[in-house]
């Protein structure tokens, strides 16, 4: 039985709504473009701090960006 909880996100859609590139978003939240790519592809779950920074930068509630 697989009990892994996978956190999905809508980062790419929210970023595109704000007309931000991956590089621009990365600079806003203090990370790298590669990290943004990994988050958008669900290959990496951001820390609580980075999740909060992404929510602020994209002007979205946490619940609007992340879901199970």
N, C-alpha and C. Protein backbone atom coordinates (compact mmCIF):
# COMPACT_ATOMS: atom_id res chain seq x y z
N UNK A 1 0.83 -1.18 0.00
CA UNK A 1 0.00 0.00 0.00
C UNK A 1 0.88 1.24 0.00
N UNK A 2 0.61 2.16 -0.89
CA UNK A 2 1.42 3.37 -1.04
C UNK A 2 0.78 4.51 -0.25
N UNK A 3 1.45 4.95 0.81
CA UNK A 3 0.92 6.02 1.66
C UNK A 3 1.60 7.35 1.41
N UNK A 4 2.35 7.47 0.31
CA UNK A 4 3.02 8.73 0.01
C UNK A 4 1.98 9.80 -0.30
N UNK A 5 2.17 10.95 0.33
CA UNK A 5 1.30 12.09 0.06
C UNK A 5 2.04 12.99 -0.93
N UNK A 6 1.42 13.23 -2.05
CA UNK A 6 2.05 14.05 -3.08
C UNK A 6 1.39 15.43 -3.07
N UNK A 7 2.19 16.44 -2.85
CA UNK A 7 1.72 17.81 -2.85
C UNK A 7 1.82 18.35 -4.27
N UNK A 8 0.68 18.66 -4.86
CA UNK A 8 0.64 19.22 -6.21
C UNK A 8 0.58 20.74 -6.10
N UNK A 9 0.84 21.41 -7.21
CA UNK A 9 0.79 22.87 -7.16
C UNK A 9 0.32 23.47 -8.47
N UNK A 10 -0.04 24.74 -8.38
CA UNK A 10 -0.46 25.53 -9.54
C UNK A 10 0.49 26.72 -9.73
N UNK A 11 1.75 26.51 -9.42
CA UNK A 11 2.74 27.58 -9.51
C UNK A 11 2.87 28.08 -10.94
N UNK A 12 2.99 27.17 -11.88
CA UNK A 12 3.17 27.57 -13.28
C UNK A 12 2.01 28.44 -13.77
N UNK A 13 0.79 28.01 -13.48
CA UNK A 13 -0.38 28.77 -13.93
C UNK A 13 -0.41 30.16 -13.29
N UNK A 14 -0.14 30.22 -11.99
CA UNK A 14 -0.15 31.50 -11.27
C UNK A 14 0.97 32.41 -11.78
N UNK A 15 2.13 31.81 -12.06
CA UNK A 15 3.27 32.59 -12.57
C UNK A 15 2.93 33.17 -13.94
N UNK A 16 2.32 32.37 -14.79
CA UNK A 16 1.95 32.84 -16.13
C UNK A 16 0.87 33.91 -16.07
N UNK A 17 -0.06 33.80 -15.12
CA UNK A 17 -1.08 34.84 -14.93
C UNK A 17 -0.43 36.19 -14.64
N UNK A 18 0.64 36.18 -13.85
CA UNK A 18 1.36 37.41 -13.48
C UNK A 18 2.39 37.81 -14.53
N UNK A 19 2.47 37.01 -15.61
CA UNK A 19 3.42 37.27 -16.70
C UNK A 19 4.87 37.35 -16.20
N UNK A 20 5.20 36.40 -15.33
CA UNK A 20 6.55 36.31 -14.80
C UNK A 20 7.27 35.12 -15.43
N UNK A 21 8.53 35.29 -15.71
CA UNK A 21 9.33 34.16 -16.16
C UNK A 21 9.75 33.36 -14.93
N UNK A 22 10.25 32.17 -15.15
CA UNK A 22 10.75 31.36 -14.04
C UNK A 22 11.90 32.09 -13.35
N UNK A 23 12.75 32.72 -14.11
CA UNK A 23 13.89 33.46 -13.56
C UNK A 23 13.42 34.63 -12.71
N UNK A 24 12.42 35.37 -13.18
CA UNK A 24 11.91 36.51 -12.43
C UNK A 24 11.30 36.06 -11.10
N UNK A 25 10.51 34.98 -11.14
CA UNK A 25 9.91 34.47 -9.92
C UNK A 25 11.00 33.99 -8.96
N UNK A 26 11.98 33.31 -9.48
CA UNK A 26 13.08 32.82 -8.65
C UNK A 26 13.77 33.98 -7.92
N UNK A 27 14.03 35.06 -8.63
CA UNK A 27 14.67 36.22 -8.01
C UNK A 27 13.78 36.84 -6.94
N UNK A 28 12.48 36.89 -7.19
CA UNK A 28 11.55 37.47 -6.21
C UNK A 28 11.55 36.71 -4.89
N UNK A 29 11.70 35.39 -4.97
CA UNK A 29 11.62 34.57 -3.75
C UNK A 29 12.97 34.09 -3.25
N UNK A 30 14.04 34.49 -3.91
CA UNK A 30 15.38 34.17 -3.43
C UNK A 30 15.82 32.74 -3.66
N UNK A 31 15.48 32.20 -4.82
CA UNK A 31 15.90 30.85 -5.15
C UNK A 31 16.41 30.84 -6.60
N UNK A 32 16.60 29.66 -7.14
CA UNK A 32 17.11 29.55 -8.51
C UNK A 32 15.99 29.17 -9.48
N UNK A 33 16.24 29.42 -10.74
CA UNK A 33 15.30 29.02 -11.78
C UNK A 33 15.11 27.50 -11.78
N UNK A 34 16.18 26.77 -11.52
CA UNK A 34 16.11 25.31 -11.49
C UNK A 34 15.16 24.83 -10.39
N UNK A 35 15.15 25.53 -9.26
CA UNK A 35 14.24 25.17 -8.17
C UNK A 35 12.79 25.41 -8.59
N UNK A 36 12.53 26.53 -9.26
CA UNK A 36 11.18 26.83 -9.74
C UNK A 36 10.74 25.75 -10.74
N UNK A 37 11.62 25.36 -11.63
CA UNK A 37 11.31 24.31 -12.60
C UNK A 37 10.95 23.02 -11.87
N UNK A 38 11.75 22.64 -10.88
CA UNK A 38 11.50 21.40 -10.13
C UNK A 38 10.18 21.45 -9.39
N UNK A 39 9.85 22.60 -8.83
CA UNK A 39 8.56 22.75 -8.13
C UNK A 39 7.42 22.63 -9.12
N UNK A 40 7.51 23.33 -10.25
CA UNK A 40 6.44 23.29 -11.25
C UNK A 40 6.21 21.88 -11.80
N UNK A 41 7.26 21.07 -11.85
CA UNK A 41 7.15 19.70 -12.36
C UNK A 41 6.83 18.69 -11.26
N UNK A 42 6.54 19.20 -10.05
CA UNK A 42 6.26 18.33 -8.89
C UNK A 42 7.40 17.37 -8.57
N UNK A 43 8.62 17.77 -8.87
CA UNK A 43 9.79 16.95 -8.54
C UNK A 43 10.37 17.35 -7.19
N UNK A 44 9.93 18.50 -6.66
CA UNK A 44 10.46 19.03 -5.42
C UNK A 44 9.35 19.74 -4.67
N UNK A 45 9.22 19.43 -3.38
CA UNK A 45 8.26 20.13 -2.54
C UNK A 45 8.99 21.26 -1.81
N UNK A 46 8.54 22.49 -1.98
CA UNK A 46 9.23 23.61 -1.33
C UNK A 46 9.03 23.58 0.19
N UNK A 47 9.96 24.20 0.88
CA UNK A 47 9.84 24.34 2.33
C UNK A 47 8.64 25.22 2.65
N UNK A 48 8.27 25.25 3.91
CA UNK A 48 7.16 26.12 4.34
C UNK A 48 7.50 27.58 4.04
N UNK A 49 8.74 27.97 4.29
CA UNK A 49 9.15 29.35 4.04
C UNK A 49 9.07 29.69 2.55
N UNK A 50 9.58 28.82 1.70
CA UNK A 50 9.54 29.08 0.27
C UNK A 50 8.10 29.07 -0.24
N UNK A 51 7.27 28.19 0.29
CA UNK A 51 5.85 28.15 -0.10
C UNK A 51 5.18 29.48 0.23
N UNK A 52 5.48 30.01 1.41
CA UNK A 52 4.91 31.30 1.82
C UNK A 52 5.40 32.41 0.91
N UNK A 53 6.68 32.42 0.60
CA UNK A 53 7.24 33.44 -0.29
C UNK A 53 6.62 33.37 -1.68
N UNK A 54 6.40 32.16 -2.17
CA UNK A 54 5.75 31.99 -3.48
C UNK A 54 4.32 32.52 -3.44
N UNK A 55 3.62 32.24 -2.36
CA UNK A 55 2.24 32.73 -2.21
C UNK A 55 2.20 34.25 -2.22
N UNK A 56 3.12 34.87 -1.51
CA UNK A 56 3.18 36.33 -1.46
C UNK A 56 3.54 36.90 -2.84
N UNK A 57 4.56 36.34 -3.48
CA UNK A 57 5.02 36.84 -4.78
C UNK A 57 3.94 36.71 -5.85
N UNK A 58 3.17 35.62 -5.77
CA UNK A 58 2.15 35.36 -6.78
C UNK A 58 0.77 35.89 -6.38
N UNK A 59 0.72 36.50 -5.19
CA UNK A 59 -0.52 37.09 -4.67
C UNK A 59 -1.67 36.07 -4.65
N UNK A 60 -1.36 34.89 -4.12
CA UNK A 60 -2.33 33.81 -4.00
C UNK A 60 -2.28 33.25 -2.59
N UNK A 61 -3.39 32.72 -2.11
CA UNK A 61 -3.40 32.01 -0.85
C UNK A 61 -2.69 30.68 -1.05
N UNK A 62 -2.11 30.17 0.04
CA UNK A 62 -1.43 28.87 -0.02
C UNK A 62 -2.34 27.82 -0.64
N UNK A 63 -3.60 27.81 -0.21
CA UNK A 63 -4.56 26.80 -0.67
C UNK A 63 -4.85 26.91 -2.16
N UNK A 64 -4.64 28.09 -2.73
CA UNK A 64 -4.86 28.28 -4.16
C UNK A 64 -3.68 27.72 -4.97
N UNK A 65 -2.52 27.66 -4.36
CA UNK A 65 -1.32 27.20 -5.07
C UNK A 65 -1.01 25.73 -4.85
N UNK A 66 -1.28 25.23 -3.65
CA UNK A 66 -0.88 23.87 -3.30
C UNK A 66 -2.09 23.03 -2.92
N UNK A 67 -2.08 21.76 -3.35
CA UNK A 67 -3.19 20.86 -3.04
C UNK A 67 -2.70 19.41 -3.07
N UNK A 68 -3.46 18.53 -2.43
CA UNK A 68 -3.15 17.08 -2.40
C UNK A 68 -4.01 16.37 -3.40
